[in-house]
């Protein structure tokens, strides 16, 4: 295999893991809580800009990737508690309209606070350089990015599957009234899940900042791809979000090698193919 092909496929895996990280958060909110959060990409963009501010003021990248998800998680908790929960009884239409409006608000807020010009930060000095692959090398930072995203996704999965809080959340999704009868505040747990979901998007934004920089509308394109990932993996399936992210990343990378102009189209072609063959997605049950 050509070193350039290997490099492209490795980049596809890394991009797929980022897609998986964002889609995992979207799956928690959309697939599990049944909230169509069209502002998920806006939280991704806010994560990048909060990380940029931390780095600009402290010069500490490591602090930035910790602070950004926490800040956005708190913002997400407020949004869910004071808006999404109030709109839950009105059906999806109100939630969709609210989150679409939130996208515009966030974009304008970014312009007002940080300006309309793109921002960028350097790759941390500790992760400068790359792993030799013949005549080319693969950046250490991309390996770090994939490792962190994979560890976070694994930690969230373990939290859902192996902890008492995770069991309550899963039970509340299946039958919220029954869980409420046990004296458990299901809505509060759901609000925390919403916060975790947007925190995953914010972490992805902070991690991608040294590679792609930031700009106010950076979440828009990612939002469409994230929904494609969730549809391919299957609504409500955490494993599906991960597998779907890798599938989309590799599909995009393969098309970049063969026919770069069609790399974006290939994502939605893959989604269409999956829907035709298996409408519930690869791992979905509904």
Protein backbone atom coordinates (compact mmCIF):
# COMPACT_ATOMS: atom_id res chain seq x y z
CA UNK A 1 0.00 0.00 0.00
CA UNK A 2 1.28 3.46 -0.88
CA UNK A 3 2.42 5.55 2.13
CA UNK A 4 0.17 8.37 0.94
CA UNK A 5 -2.82 6.00 0.91
CA UNK A 6 -1.92 4.80 4.41
CA UNK A 7 -1.70 8.42 5.56
CA UNK A 8 -5.07 9.24 4.04
CA UNK A 9 -6.74 6.23 5.66
CA UNK A 10 -5.19 7.03 9.05
CA UNK A 11 -6.48 10.58 8.70
CA UNK A 12 -9.87 9.07 7.90
CA UNK A 13 -9.81 7.03 11.12
CA UNK A 14 -8.89 10.10 13.17
CA UNK A 15 -11.60 12.18 11.52
CA UNK A 16 -14.01 9.30 12.09
CA UNK A 17 -13.21 9.25 15.80
CA UNK A 18 -13.96 12.99 15.99
CA UNK A 19 -17.24 12.37 14.17
CA UNK A 20 -17.93 9.55 16.62
CA UNK A 21 -17.25 11.82 19.62
CA UNK A 22 -19.68 14.45 18.36
CA UNK A 23 -22.24 11.85 17.29
CA UNK A 24 -22.01 10.10 20.66
CA UNK A 25 -23.17 13.31 22.30
CA UNK A 26 -25.88 13.73 19.70
CA UNK A 27 -27.00 10.14 20.29
CA UNK A 28 -27.34 10.79 24.03
CA UNK A 29 -29.52 13.82 23.34
CA UNK A 30 -31.39 12.90 20.16
CA UNK A 31 -31.38 9.12 20.13
CA UNK A 32 -31.87 8.53 23.86
CA UNK A 33 -33.60 11.64 25.21
CA UNK A 34 -35.62 12.14 22.01
CA UNK A 35 -34.56 15.79 21.75
CA UNK A 36 -33.73 16.93 18.18
CA UNK A 37 -30.79 19.17 19.11
CA UNK A 38 -29.99 21.04 15.91
CA UNK A 39 -27.75 23.33 17.98
CA UNK A 40 -25.26 20.51 18.66
CA UNK A 41 -22.83 21.96 16.14
CA UNK A 42 -23.11 25.36 17.84
CA UNK A 43 -21.93 23.81 21.13
CA UNK A 44 -19.03 22.27 19.17
CA UNK A 45 -18.08 25.74 17.92
CA UNK A 46 -18.42 27.24 21.40
CA UNK A 47 -16.12 24.55 22.77
CA UNK A 48 -13.46 25.55 20.25
CA UNK A 49 -13.78 29.25 21.10
CA UNK A 50 -13.76 28.72 24.86
CA UNK A 51 -10.60 26.63 24.42
CA UNK A 52 -9.12 29.42 22.29
CA UNK A 53 -9.79 31.96 25.06
CA UNK A 54 -8.20 29.75 27.72
CA UNK A 55 -5.11 29.24 25.57
CA UNK A 56 -4.92 32.94 24.71
CA UNK A 57 -5.01 33.93 28.40
CA UNK A 58 -2.96 31.12 29.96
CA UNK A 59 -0.99 29.55 27.12
CA UNK A 60 -2.02 26.16 28.51
CA UNK A 61 -3.59 23.83 25.94
CA UNK A 62 -4.10 21.03 28.46
CA UNK A 63 -6.14 23.32 30.70
CA UNK A 64 -8.19 24.42 27.68
CA UNK A 65 -9.35 20.92 26.76
CA UNK A 66 -10.50 20.39 30.36
CA UNK A 67 -12.17 23.77 30.89
CA UNK A 68 -14.03 23.98 27.55
CA UNK A 69 -16.21 20.84 28.02
CA UNK A 70 -17.00 21.81 31.62
CA UNK A 71 -18.08 25.33 30.66
CA UNK A 72 -20.23 24.10 27.78
CA UNK A 73 -21.70 21.31 29.93
CA UNK A 74 -22.86 23.92 32.44
CA UNK A 75 -24.32 25.99 29.60
CA UNK A 76 -26.07 22.89 28.27
CA UNK A 77 -27.57 22.16 31.69
CA UNK A 78 -28.99 25.69 31.79
CA UNK A 79 -30.37 25.42 28.25
CA UNK A 80 -32.05 22.11 29.02
CA UNK A 81 -33.43 23.16 32.42
CA UNK A 82 -34.85 26.49 31.32
CA UNK A 83 -35.78 25.76 27.70
CA UNK A 84 -35.71 22.18 26.42
CA UNK A 85 -37.64 20.72 29.36
CA UNK A 86 -40.28 23.42 29.05
CA UNK A 87 -40.70 22.60 25.35
CA UNK A 88 -40.68 18.82 25.76
CA UNK A 89 -44.45 18.56 26.08
CA UNK A 90 -45.08 20.49 22.88
CA UNK A 91 -43.55 17.94 20.52
CA UNK A 92 -40.49 18.13 18.31
CA UNK A 93 -41.56 21.19 16.32
CA UNK A 94 -40.93 23.64 19.16
CA UNK A 95 -37.62 22.01 20.07
CA UNK A 96 -36.46 22.17 16.45
CA UNK A 97 -37.42 25.83 16.11
CA UNK A 98 -35.72 26.69 19.41
CA UNK A 99 -32.45 24.90 18.59
CA UNK A 100 -32.34 26.39 15.08
CA UNK A 101 -32.77 29.83 16.64
CA UNK A 102 -30.07 28.96 19.18
CA UNK A 103 -27.65 28.25 16.32
CA UNK A 104 -28.11 31.79 14.99
CA UNK A 105 -27.78 33.28 18.46
CA UNK A 106 -24.56 31.38 19.15
CA UNK A 107 -23.03 32.35 15.80
CA UNK A 108 -23.77 36.03 16.36
CA UNK A 109 -22.52 35.80 19.96
CA UNK A 110 -19.24 34.33 18.70
CA UNK A 111 -18.87 37.20 16.24
CA UNK A 112 -19.59 39.76 18.97
CA UNK A 113 -17.21 38.24 21.53
CA UNK A 114 -14.38 36.84 19.39
CA UNK A 115 -14.87 38.57 16.04
CA UNK A 116 -15.67 37.21 12.60
CA UNK A 117 -12.07 36.40 11.62
CA UNK A 118 -10.91 32.78 11.89
CA UNK A 119 -8.83 31.86 14.94
CA UNK A 120 -6.06 29.30 15.34
CA UNK A 121 -3.67 27.89 17.95
CA UNK A 122 -0.43 25.93 17.68
CA UNK A 123 -0.15 22.22 18.31
CA UNK A 124 1.28 21.67 21.82
CA UNK A 125 5.07 21.46 21.77
CA UNK A 126 4.96 18.04 23.47
CA UNK A 127 3.00 16.66 20.51
CA UNK A 128 4.96 18.32 17.73
CA UNK A 129 6.46 16.05 15.08
CA UNK A 130 5.16 12.79 13.72
CA UNK A 131 5.43 9.01 13.54
CA UNK A 132 7.57 7.95 10.53
CA UNK A 133 5.66 6.00 7.87
CA UNK A 134 8.23 5.48 5.17
CA UNK A 135 8.63 8.68 3.17
CA UNK A 136 5.87 10.42 5.16
CA UNK A 137 5.03 10.82 8.84
CA UNK A 138 1.78 10.83 10.77
CA UNK A 139 1.41 13.72 13.24
CA UNK A 140 1.62 12.79 16.91
CA UNK A 141 -1.18 15.23 17.65
CA UNK A 142 -3.62 13.31 15.46
CA UNK A 143 -2.73 10.11 17.32
CA UNK A 144 -3.29 11.93 20.63
CA UNK A 145 -6.62 13.29 19.38
CA UNK A 146 -7.84 9.82 18.40
CA UNK A 147 -6.68 8.33 21.72
CA UNK A 148 -8.39 10.99 23.86
CA UNK A 149 -11.64 10.77 21.87
CA UNK A 150 -11.64 6.96 22.12
CA UNK A 151 -10.98 7.03 25.89
CA UNK A 152 -13.76 9.57 26.50
CA UNK A 153 -16.24 7.61 24.39
CA UNK A 154 -15.30 4.44 26.28
CA UNK A 155 -15.72 6.18 29.64
CA UNK A 156 -19.19 7.46 28.74
CA UNK A 157 -20.21 3.99 27.50
CA UNK A 158 -19.01 2.41 30.75
CA UNK A 159 -20.90 5.06 32.70
CA UNK A 160 -24.11 4.18 30.88
CA UNK A 161 -23.69 0.42 31.03
CA UNK A 162 -21.90 -0.26 34.32
CA UNK A 163 -23.05 2.34 36.84
CA UNK A 164 -26.22 2.81 38.87
CA UNK A 165 -26.81 6.26 37.33
CA UNK A 166 -26.44 4.75 33.87
CA UNK A 167 -28.98 2.03 34.69
CA UNK A 168 -31.44 4.67 35.95
CA UNK A 169 -30.96 6.76 32.81
CA UNK A 170 -31.59 3.76 30.56
CA UNK A 171 -34.63 2.76 32.59
CA UNK A 172 -35.92 6.34 32.50
CA UNK A 173 -35.63 6.41 28.74
CA UNK A 174 -37.70 3.23 28.46
CA UNK A 175 -40.30 4.13 31.11
CA UNK A 176 -39.87 7.54 32.76
CA UNK A 177 -43.14 7.32 34.71
CA UNK A 178 -42.19 4.05 36.36
CA UNK A 179 -38.78 5.37 37.41
CA UNK A 180 -40.41 8.56 38.74
CA UNK A 181 -42.71 6.39 40.87
CA UNK A 182 -39.59 5.09 42.62
CA UNK A 183 -38.85 8.60 43.84
CA UNK A 184 -36.10 9.32 41.35
CA UNK A 185 -35.97 12.74 39.69
CA UNK A 186 -35.68 11.52 36.11
CA UNK A 187 -35.84 15.00 34.60
CA UNK A 188 -32.80 16.10 36.57
CA UNK A 189 -30.88 13.09 35.30
CA UNK A 190 -31.97 13.84 31.75
CA UNK A 191 -30.73 17.41 32.16
CA UNK A 192 -27.35 16.08 33.26
CA UNK A 193 -27.30 13.77 30.22
CA UNK A 194 -27.98 16.78 27.98
CA UNK A 195 -25.01 18.53 29.62
CA UNK A 196 -22.77 15.51 29.02
CA UNK A 197 -23.93 15.32 25.40
CA UNK A 198 -23.00 18.91 24.58
CA UNK A 199 -19.75 18.54 26.56
CA UNK A 200 -18.68 15.80 24.14
CA UNK A 201 -19.28 18.16 21.22
CA UNK A 202 -17.33 20.91 23.02
CA UNK A 203 -14.41 18.57 23.66
CA UNK A 204 -14.33 17.68 19.97
CA UNK A 205 -14.26 21.38 19.10
CA UNK A 206 -11.40 22.03 21.53
CA UNK A 207 -9.39 19.07 20.22
CA UNK A 208 -9.82 20.01 16.56
CA UNK A 209 -8.81 23.66 17.14
CA UNK A 210 -5.04 23.21 16.52
CA UNK A 211 -5.76 21.38 13.27
CA UNK A 212 -8.54 23.41 11.69
CA UNK A 213 -8.80 26.57 13.76
CA UNK A 214 -12.13 28.15 14.58
CA UNK A 215 -14.69 30.24 12.75
CA UNK A 216 -18.24 31.22 13.76
CA UNK A 217 -20.06 28.79 11.44
CA UNK A 218 -17.71 25.84 11.98
CA UNK A 219 -20.47 23.74 13.52
CA UNK A 220 -22.85 23.90 10.56
CA UNK A 221 -21.08 21.44 8.27
CA UNK A 222 -20.28 19.12 11.16
CA UNK A 223 -23.94 19.13 12.21
CA UNK A 224 -25.09 17.62 8.92
CA UNK A 225 -22.33 14.99 9.03
CA UNK A 226 -23.15 14.15 12.66
CA UNK A 227 -26.79 13.45 11.84
CA UNK A 228 -25.60 11.25 8.97
CA UNK A 229 -23.40 9.33 11.42
CA UNK A 230 -26.29 8.88 13.87
CA UNK A 231 -28.62 7.67 11.10
CA UNK A 232 -26.00 5.22 9.78
CA UNK A 233 -25.29 3.85 13.26
CA UNK A 234 -28.93 3.82 14.35
CA UNK A 235 -30.91 6.14 16.61
CA UNK A 236 -30.24 5.53 20.30
CA UNK A 237 -27.27 3.23 19.71
CA UNK A 238 -24.06 4.43 21.35
CA UNK A 239 -22.09 1.69 19.60
CA UNK A 240 -23.76 2.73 16.35
CA UNK A 241 -22.52 6.31 16.78
CA UNK A 242 -18.95 5.07 17.16
CA UNK A 243 -19.07 2.64 14.24
CA UNK A 244 -20.96 5.16 12.11
CA UNK A 245 -18.30 7.79 12.80
CA UNK A 246 -15.49 5.48 11.70
CA UNK A 247 -17.45 4.40 8.61
CA UNK A 248 -18.05 8.01 7.60
CA UNK A 249 -14.43 9.01 8.26
CA UNK A 250 -13.06 6.14 6.18
CA UNK A 251 -15.62 6.74 3.42
CA UNK A 252 -14.58 10.37 3.23
CA UNK A 253 -10.88 9.43 3.22
CA UNK A 254 -11.33 6.81 0.50
CA UNK A 255 -13.19 9.24 -1.74
CA UNK A 256 -10.48 11.85 -1.12
CA UNK A 257 -8.00 9.39 -2.63
CA UNK A 258 -10.21 8.34 -5.56
CA UNK A 259 -12.25 11.47 -6.35
CA UNK A 260 -11.74 14.37 -3.89
CA UNK A 261 -14.61 16.46 -5.27
CA UNK A 262 -17.10 13.78 -4.16
CA UNK A 263 -15.76 13.26 -0.62
CA UNK A 264 -18.67 15.11 1.02
CA UNK A 265 -21.30 13.60 -1.28
CA UNK A 266 -20.02 10.11 -0.43
CA UNK A 267 -21.04 10.57 3.21
CA UNK A 268 -24.68 11.13 2.39
CA UNK A 269 -24.60 8.48 -0.34
CA UNK A 270 -23.47 6.00 2.33
CA UNK A 271 -26.28 7.19 4.61
CA UNK A 272 -28.84 6.73 1.83
CA UNK A 273 -27.55 3.23 1.11
CA UNK A 274 -27.80 2.21 4.76
CA UNK A 275 -31.35 3.60 5.02
CA UNK A 276 -32.42 1.64 1.93
CA UNK A 277 -30.92 -1.61 3.22
CA UNK A 278 -31.64 -1.18 6.92
CA UNK A 279 -33.92 1.78 7.79
CA UNK A 280 -33.10 1.53 11.52
CA UNK A 281 -29.37 1.89 10.89
CA UNK A 282 -26.58 -0.60 11.53
CA UNK A 283 -27.29 -1.01 15.25
CA UNK A 284 -30.59 0.79 15.75
CA UNK A 285 -33.72 -0.84 17.09
CA UNK A 286 -36.26 1.86 16.22
